[in-house]
Structures are given as C-alpha cells and as structure tokens.
Amino acid sequence: MSKQLKRPPILMPTAQEDKAITAAAKSDPDAQPLTPNQLAAMVPMRALRGRPKLDNAKQLVSVRYSPEVLAFFKSTGEGWQSRMDGALREYVAQHSRSA
C-alpha cells in the first residue's frame, strides 16, 4: 500500500497582515505594479512553447511504400524521411515543368 503524503494546511494571512504585506510591496521601488499596457502585452506561457507555426506546414498522411523503397531510404541513416521528401519534391519539380 502506498503512503499518501499529507500536505500541511495553507495558512492565509489575516486582513491586518495582508494590508501590511500590500503596503510593504507598494513601497518597494523594485516591485511596482504593472501598468495596464504591460498587462495587455502579456502572453500566456503556453503560447510561447514549441516551434513557431509554419505558413506552409507539412501534412501528416498514411501511405504505403514497397519494402525495397523503404529499405533504401532507411539505409541512408538518420533523416531518411527528409531525404525521401526531397526526392519526391524533385520528382514533382521535374514533372510539373513538362506538363
């Protein structure tokens, strides 16, 4: 049976303590409240995570290739999917000019 951790209760400050804390924070020149413009410019942290969105993002598809084709590209090592994409792009470029 696992041991449940008991968290200590959170003690909220009294109204008098809260006023004293707020007054001390307001009197600190290094901890001034944010201006309305600063608040409006804030962005949620999750919006900044990850890669930037691409204008022309690649699409995820499910496709079947012959074992020989997969074996060839996989034998070229890491990044074989990008090389396969490059070969297909080259094919499209060559064949769309003549059409």
C-alpha atoms as a PDB file:
ATOM      1  CA  MET A   1       0.000   0.000   0.000  1.00  0.00           C
ATOM      2  CA  SER A   2       1.403   3.378  -0.970  1.00  0.00           C
ATOM      3  CA  LYS A   3       1.925   6.103   1.548  1.00  0.00           C
ATOM      4  CA  GLN A   4      -0.122   9.204   0.946  1.00  0.00           C
ATOM      5  CA  LEU A   5       1.730  12.408   1.587  1.00  0.00           C
ATOM      6  CA  LYS A   6      -0.104  14.811   3.828  1.00  0.00           C
ATOM      7  CA  ARG A   7       0.298  18.399   2.793  1.00  0.00           C
ATOM      8  CA  PRO A   8       0.452  20.993   5.515  1.00  0.00           C
ATOM      9  CA  PRO A   9      -2.572  23.278   5.594  1.00  0.00           C
ATOM     10  CA  ILE A  10      -2.202  26.634   3.847  1.00  0.00           C
ATOM     11  CA  LEU A  11      -2.369  29.449   6.342  1.00  0.00           C
ATOM     12  CA  MET A  12      -3.885  32.588   4.858  1.00  0.00           C
ATOM     13  CA  PRO A  13      -2.784  35.933   6.288  1.00  0.00           C
ATOM     14  CA  THR A  14      -5.216  37.893   8.368  1.00  0.00           C
ATOM     15  CA  ALA A  15      -6.664  41.120   6.963  1.00  0.00           C
ATOM     16  CA  GLN A  16      -4.189  43.135   9.027  1.00  0.00           C
ATOM     17  CA  GLU A  17      -1.229  41.026   7.830  1.00  0.00           C
ATOM     18  CA  ASP A  18      -2.452  41.299   4.247  1.00  0.00           C
ATOM     19  CA  LYS A  19      -2.584  45.105   4.490  1.00  0.00           C
ATOM     20  CA  ALA A  20       0.960  45.180   5.904  1.00  0.00           C
ATOM     21  CA  ILE A  21       2.237  42.914   3.096  1.00  0.00           C
ATOM     22  CA  THR A  22       0.499  45.020   0.409  1.00  0.00           C
ATOM     23  CA  ALA A  23       1.873  48.268   1.895  1.00  0.00           C
ATOM     24  CA  ALA A  24       5.403  46.849   2.007  1.00  0.00           C
ATOM     25  CA  ALA A  25       5.130  45.660  -1.610  1.00  0.00           C
ATOM     26  CA  LYS A  26       3.853  49.056  -2.809  1.00  0.00           C
ATOM     27  CA  SER A  27       6.659  50.906  -1.024  1.00  0.00           C
ATOM     28  CA  ASP A  28       9.353  48.766  -2.718  1.00  0.00           C
ATOM     29  CA  PRO A  29      10.628  50.706  -5.777  1.00  0.00           C
ATOM     30  CA  ASP A  30      11.770  47.464  -7.430  1.00  0.00           C
ATOM     31  CA  ALA A  31       8.331  45.844  -7.169  1.00  0.00           C
ATOM     32  CA  GLN A  32       5.951  48.339  -8.704  1.00  0.00           C
ATOM     33  CA  PRO A  33       2.624  47.113 -10.091  1.00  0.00           C
ATOM     34  CA  LEU A  34       2.386  46.524 -13.817  1.00  0.00           C
ATOM     35  CA  THR A  35       0.821  49.215 -15.963  1.00  0.00           C
ATOM     36  CA  PRO A  36      -2.325  48.422 -17.990  1.00  0.00           C
ATOM     37  CA  ASN A  37      -0.201  48.437 -21.170  1.00  0.00           C
ATOM     38  CA  GLN A  38       2.207  45.908 -19.648  1.00  0.00           C
ATOM     39  CA  LEU A  39      -0.676  43.687 -18.578  1.00  0.00           C
ATOM     40  CA  ALA A  40      -2.258  43.872 -22.052  1.00  0.00           C
ATOM     41  CA  ALA A  41       1.055  42.891 -23.685  1.00  0.00           C
ATOM     42  CA  MET A  42       1.417  39.729 -21.597  1.00  0.00           C
ATOM     43  CA  VAL A  43       1.089  36.399 -23.413  1.00  0.00           C
ATOM     44  CA  PRO A  44       0.286  33.071 -21.732  1.00  0.00           C
ATOM     45  CA  MET A  45       3.427  30.951 -21.373  1.00  0.00           C
ATOM     46  CA  ARG A  46       1.890  28.015 -23.245  1.00  0.00           C
ATOM     47  CA  ALA A  47       1.520  30.251 -26.324  1.00  0.00           C
ATOM     48  CA  LEU A  48       5.318  30.683 -26.419  1.00  0.00           C
ATOM     49  CA  ARG A  49       6.180  26.994 -26.207  1.00  0.00           C
ATOM     50  CA  GLY A  50       7.181  24.822 -29.120  1.00  0.00           C
ATOM     51  CA  ARG A  51       8.064  25.620 -32.689  1.00  0.00           C
ATOM     52  CA  PRO A  52       6.641  28.655 -34.411  1.00  0.00           C
ATOM     53  CA  LYS A  53       3.730  27.810 -36.706  1.00  0.00           C
ATOM     54  CA  LEU A  54       4.751  27.500 -40.349  1.00  0.00           C
ATOM     55  CA  ASP A  55       2.861  29.185 -43.168  1.00  0.00           C
ATOM     56  CA  ASN A  56       3.230  26.091 -45.330  1.00  0.00           C
ATOM     57  CA  ALA A  57       3.252  23.261 -42.791  1.00  0.00           C
ATOM     58  CA  LYS A  58       3.769  19.670 -43.874  1.00  0.00           C
ATOM     59  CA  GLN A  59       0.769  17.382 -43.690  1.00  0.00           C
ATOM     60  CA  LEU A  60       0.642  14.067 -41.885  1.00  0.00           C
ATOM     61  CA  VAL A  61      -0.551  11.248 -44.153  1.00  0.00           C
ATOM     62  CA  SER A  62      -0.560   7.487 -44.084  1.00  0.00           C
ATOM     63  CA  VAL A  63       0.947   5.924 -47.195  1.00  0.00           C
ATOM     64  CA  ARG A  64       2.314   2.506 -48.127  1.00  0.00           C
ATOM     65  CA  TYR A  65       5.667   2.070 -49.888  1.00  0.00           C
ATOM     66  CA  SER A  66       7.312  -1.045 -51.231  1.00  0.00           C
ATOM     67  CA  PRO A  67       9.812  -2.697 -48.874  1.00  0.00           C
ATOM     68  CA  GLU A  68      12.674  -2.002 -51.296  1.00  0.00           C
ATOM     69  CA  VAL A  69      11.997   1.748 -51.330  1.00  0.00           C
ATOM     70  CA  LEU A  70      11.801   1.921 -47.527  1.00  0.00           C
ATOM     71  CA  ALA A  71      14.900  -0.233 -47.106  1.00  0.00           C
ATOM     72  CA  PHE A  72      16.855   2.049 -49.457  1.00  0.00           C
ATOM     73  CA  PHE A  73      15.934   5.285 -47.693  1.00  0.00           C
ATOM     74  CA  LYS A  74      16.314   3.798 -44.194  1.00  0.00           C
ATOM     75  CA  SER A  75      19.781   2.528 -45.130  1.00  0.00           C
ATOM     76  CA  THR A  76      20.879   6.137 -45.701  1.00  0.00           C
ATOM     77  CA  GLY A  77      20.678   6.714 -41.957  1.00  0.00           C
ATOM     78  CA  GLU A  78      19.049   9.267 -39.719  1.00  0.00           C
ATOM     79  CA  GLY A  79      16.921  11.815 -41.558  1.00  0.00           C
ATOM     80  CA  TRP A  80      15.782   9.341 -44.208  1.00  0.00           C
ATOM     81  CA  GLN A  81      12.241  10.751 -44.140  1.00  0.00           C
ATOM     82  CA  SER A  82      13.542  14.202 -45.101  1.00  0.00           C
ATOM     83  CA  ARG A  83      15.620  12.718 -47.902  1.00  0.00           C
ATOM     84  CA  MET A  84      12.564  10.822 -49.152  1.00  0.00           C
ATOM     85  CA  ASP A  85      10.587  14.079 -49.087  1.00  0.00           C
ATOM     86  CA  GLY A  86      13.376  15.772 -51.033  1.00  0.00           C
ATOM     87  CA  ALA A  87      13.372  13.034 -53.687  1.00  0.00           C
ATOM     88  CA  LEU A  88       9.599  13.340 -54.089  1.00  0.00           C
ATOM     89  CA  ARG A  89       9.837  17.145 -54.321  1.00  0.00           C
ATOM     90  CA  GLU A  90      12.494  16.801 -57.009  1.00  0.00           C
ATOM     91  CA  TYR A  91      10.261  14.402 -58.939  1.00  0.00           C
ATOM     92  CA  VAL A  92       7.334  16.837 -58.697  1.00  0.00           C
ATOM     93  CA  ALA A  93       9.502  19.746 -59.851  1.00  0.00           C
ATOM     94  CA  GLN A  94      10.783  17.822 -62.880  1.00  0.00           C
ATOM     95  CA  HIS A  95       7.388  16.522 -63.914  1.00  0.00           C
ATOM     96  CA  SER A  96       5.377  19.690 -63.357  1.00  0.00           C
ATOM     97  CA  ARG A  97       7.564  21.674 -65.809  1.00  0.00           C
ATOM     98  CA  SER A  98       6.844  19.357 -68.708  1.00  0.00           C
ATOM     99  CA  ALA A  99       3.097  19.247 -68.066  1.00  0.00           C
END
